[in-house]
Amino acid sequence: MTIPSPSLDWFDTFPELKSPRLKMSALSEQHVQQIYEMRKNHKVNRFMTEDLPNSLSSAKEYVKHVNDRFMRREQLMWAGELLDSGDFIGTSGFLNFDLQHGCAEFGGEMMPPFWGRNIAMEAMQAILNYGFQVIGLNRIETRVHPSNRGGIYLLEAAGFKKEGVLRKAQKSEGGFSDVFLYGLLEGELRGFES
């Protein structure tokens, strides 16, 4: 039996996603200021592992880097905005792909004023559905810091299963810390109520 590989057709143009309250599109120069503000906020960045923009020019470079990775078929990261107001809420998407095995790594970040309103779940569900239904993924995984209780709650509510601990796998304040590995298989995604 031959298992088909996920499709690459969706890489031709950047896909826009919509959900009841959100529009998700490619990161652009219009998001630079907001990304800089979001990523310099310690509430947002305390669990992040990548270098954070420390200026508007580095935030602009981050947007260019994300879009370059999309053009190379390595990443698919959306900017989320509220449909009714156009307010930027954050970024989310697939950070890495292993299309030969039907896998992708998921990640995201959100502006604190939008926490606790089920907006992250709505965005995550739209993106994960896209991964399974359009791209044809079999597995989506993510890594989360053990102290990120909100992130863990969100993942588990969506159906992700904790699969293990990567010991001392993340450089953080004061040294290295463990990271939890979570996985979601096709058919395991749970719905939400807005």
Protein backbone atom coordinates (compact mmCIF):
# COMPACT_ATOMS: atom_id res chain seq x y z
CA MET A 1 0.00 0.00 0.00
CA THR A 2 1.33 3.44 -0.93
CA ILE A 3 0.52 6.36 1.35
CA PRO A 4 0.23 9.63 -0.59
CA SER A 5 2.50 12.49 0.48
CA PRO A 6 0.89 15.77 1.50
CA SER A 7 0.21 18.20 -1.30
CA LEU A 8 2.46 21.17 -2.09
CA ASP A 9 -0.20 22.93 -4.21
CA TRP A 10 -1.08 25.32 -1.39
CA PHE A 11 2.44 26.84 -1.56
CA ASP A 12 1.68 28.57 -4.87
CA THR A 13 -0.02 31.53 -3.18
CA PHE A 14 -0.33 32.36 0.49
CA PRO A 15 -3.64 31.00 1.80
CA GLU A 16 -6.00 33.30 3.65
CA LEU A 17 -8.13 31.73 6.38
CA LYS A 18 -11.34 33.01 7.96
CA SER A 19 -13.17 31.88 11.04
CA PRO A 20 -16.25 33.38 12.73
CA ARG A 21 -14.25 36.23 14.32
CA LEU A 22 -10.87 36.14 12.56
CA LYS A 23 -9.06 36.75 9.32
CA MET A 24 -5.62 35.18 8.94
CA SER A 25 -3.27 36.29 6.21
CA ALA A 26 0.43 36.62 5.40
CA LEU A 27 2.63 38.73 7.64
CA SER A 28 3.43 42.06 5.99
CA GLU A 29 5.10 45.39 6.68
CA GLN A 30 1.83 46.64 8.19
CA HIS A 31 2.37 44.13 11.06
CA VAL A 32 5.95 45.15 11.94
CA GLN A 33 5.07 47.60 14.72
CA GLN A 34 2.55 45.21 16.27
CA ILE A 35 4.93 42.24 16.12
CA TYR A 36 7.62 44.35 17.77
CA GLU A 37 5.24 45.43 20.54
CA MET A 38 3.96 41.88 21.07
CA ARG A 39 7.34 40.20 21.13
CA LYS A 40 8.95 42.70 23.48
CA ASN A 41 6.19 42.03 26.03
CA HIS A 42 7.55 39.71 28.73
CA LYS A 43 4.14 38.05 29.17
CA VAL A 44 4.41 36.91 25.54
CA ASN A 45 8.13 36.21 25.17
CA ARG A 46 8.97 34.51 28.46
CA PHE A 47 8.52 31.03 26.96
CA MET A 48 9.95 31.73 23.50
CA THR A 49 13.18 30.18 22.32
CA GLU A 50 14.02 32.22 19.25
CA ASP A 51 15.78 35.55 19.09
CA LEU A 52 13.29 38.33 19.67
CA PRO A 53 13.15 41.56 17.70
CA ASN A 54 14.83 44.26 19.79
CA SER A 55 14.02 47.07 17.35
CA LEU A 56 11.57 47.89 14.60
CA SER A 57 14.22 47.02 12.02
CA SER A 58 14.72 43.57 13.55
CA ALA A 59 10.93 43.05 13.59
CA LYS A 60 10.92 43.97 9.89
CA GLU A 61 13.69 41.40 9.33
CA TYR A 62 11.60 38.81 11.20
CA VAL A 63 8.64 39.41 8.83
CA LYS A 64 10.97 39.10 5.83
CA HIS A 65 12.48 35.89 7.28
CA VAL A 66 9.02 34.33 7.79
CA ASN A 67 7.95 35.23 4.24
CA ASP A 68 11.24 33.97 2.77
CA ARG A 69 10.71 30.65 4.55
CA PHE A 70 7.23 30.44 3.02
CA MET A 71 8.71 30.99 -0.45
CA ARG A 72 11.17 28.14 0.24
CA ARG A 73 8.24 25.92 1.38
CA GLU A 74 9.59 25.65 4.91
CA GLN A 75 7.05 27.60 6.98
CA LEU A 76 3.47 28.85 6.91
CA MET A 77 2.84 31.59 9.49
CA TRP A 78 -0.33 33.68 9.58
CA ALA A 79 -1.01 37.12 11.05
CA GLY A 80 -4.37 37.07 12.81
CA GLU A 81 -6.77 40.00 12.87
CA LEU A 82 -10.28 40.45 14.24
CA LEU A 83 -12.82 40.60 11.42
CA ASP A 84 -14.92 43.36 12.98
CA SER A 85 -12.14 45.80 13.91
CA GLY A 86 -9.02 44.69 12.01
CA ASP A 87 -7.08 44.58 15.31
CA PHE A 88 -3.92 42.48 15.12
CA ILE A 89 -4.14 39.59 17.61
CA GLY A 90 -0.90 37.66 16.98
CA THR A 91 0.77 35.12 14.75
CA SER A 92 0.34 31.39 14.41
CA GLY A 93 1.10 28.61 11.98
CA PHE A 94 3.42 25.84 10.97
CA LEU A 95 7.05 26.47 11.87
CA ASN A 96 8.58 23.44 10.17
CA PHE A 97 7.41 20.72 7.82
CA ASP A 98 8.41 17.09 7.28
CA LEU A 99 6.10 16.47 4.34
CA GLN A 100 7.67 13.11 3.51
CA HIS A 101 6.18 11.86 6.77
CA GLY A 102 3.09 14.10 6.78
CA CYS A 103 4.21 16.08 9.85
CA ALA A 104 4.46 19.73 10.83
CA GLU A 105 5.38 21.71 13.92
CA PHE A 106 2.78 24.21 15.15
CA GLY A 107 3.39 27.40 17.13
CA GLY A 108 1.97 30.81 17.83
CA GLU A 109 1.82 33.89 20.02
CA MET A 110 -0.95 36.30 20.95
CA MET A 111 -1.26 39.85 22.19
CA PRO A 112 -2.25 39.78 25.92
CA PRO A 113 -5.46 41.88 25.51
CA PHE A 114 -6.94 38.94 23.55
CA TRP A 115 -6.09 36.20 26.05
CA GLY A 116 -8.97 34.36 27.73
CA ARG A 117 -11.52 35.08 24.99
CA ASN A 118 -11.31 31.75 23.10
CA ILE A 119 -9.68 33.60 20.18
CA ALA A 120 -6.51 31.48 20.31
CA MET A 121 -8.60 28.29 20.13
CA GLU A 122 -10.53 29.66 17.16
CA ALA A 123 -7.34 30.57 15.28
CA MET A 124 -5.65 27.30 16.19
CA GLN A 125 -8.61 25.23 15.05
CA ALA A 126 -8.73 26.98 11.65
CA ILE A 127 -4.99 26.49 11.12
CA LEU A 128 -4.93 22.86 12.28
CA ASN A 129 -7.96 22.04 10.10
CA TYR A 130 -6.10 23.58 7.17
CA GLY A 131 -3.08 21.40 7.96
CA PHE A 132 -5.09 18.19 8.06
CA GLN A 133 -7.70 18.89 5.35
CA VAL A 134 -5.83 20.96 2.76
CA ILE A 135 -2.16 20.13 3.22
CA GLY A 136 -2.93 16.50 4.07
CA LEU A 137 -0.90 16.24 7.26
CA ASN A 138 -1.11 13.13 9.41
CA ARG A 139 0.51 14.60 12.53
CA ILE A 140 1.01 18.04 14.02
CA GLU A 141 3.29 18.52 16.99
CA THR A 142 4.36 21.33 19.23
CA ARG A 143 6.73 22.02 22.08
CA VAL A 144 5.67 23.92 25.17
CA HIS A 145 7.48 25.10 28.29
CA PRO A 146 6.21 23.26 31.40
CA SER A 147 5.36 26.60 33.08
CA ASN A 148 3.20 27.76 30.17
CA ARG A 149 -0.07 26.68 31.78
CA GLY A 150 -2.23 28.65 29.35
CA GLY A 151 -0.53 27.08 26.35
CA ILE A 152 -0.84 23.59 27.83
CA TYR A 153 -4.54 24.11 28.59
CA LEU A 154 -5.16 25.32 25.02
CA LEU A 155 -3.32 22.36 23.47
CA GLU A 156 -5.09 19.77 25.60
CA ALA A 157 -8.49 21.39 24.99
CA ALA A 158 -7.85 21.06 21.24
CA GLY A 159 -7.01 17.36 21.60
CA PHE A 160 -3.21 17.40 21.70
CA LYS A 161 -1.68 14.59 23.77
CA LYS A 162 1.43 15.00 25.88
CA GLU A 163 3.93 12.56 24.43
CA GLY A 164 7.03 13.21 26.45
CA VAL A 165 9.58 15.51 27.99
CA LEU A 166 12.61 16.81 26.12
CA ARG A 167 15.05 17.25 28.97
CA LYS A 168 16.94 20.57 29.13
CA ALA A 169 16.03 21.23 25.49
CA GLN A 170 15.29 24.96 25.72
CA LYS A 171 17.58 27.78 26.67
CA SER A 172 15.75 30.05 29.05
CA GLU A 173 16.41 32.62 31.73
CA GLY A 174 19.02 31.16 34.06
CA GLY A 175 20.04 28.13 31.99
CA PHE A 176 18.25 25.31 30.23
CA SER A 177 14.78 23.96 30.89
CA ASP A 178 12.73 20.94 29.96
CA VAL A 179 10.13 21.14 27.20
CA PHE A 180 6.94 19.12 26.85
CA LEU A 181 6.29 17.51 23.46
CA TYR A 182 2.63 17.39 22.41
CA GLY A 183 1.20 15.67 19.33
CA LEU A 184 -2.11 15.68 17.49
CA LEU A 185 -3.07 13.11 14.86
CA GLU A 186 -5.57 13.54 12.07
CA GLY A 187 -9.05 12.94 13.49
CA GLU A 188 -8.16 13.98 17.06
CA LEU A 189 -8.83 17.72 16.77
CA ARG A 190 -11.63 18.81 19.07
CA GLY A 191 -14.05 21.64 18.30
CA PHE A 192 -14.75 24.70 20.41
CA GLU A 193 -17.58 26.99 21.28
CA SER A 194 -17.01 30.73 20.80
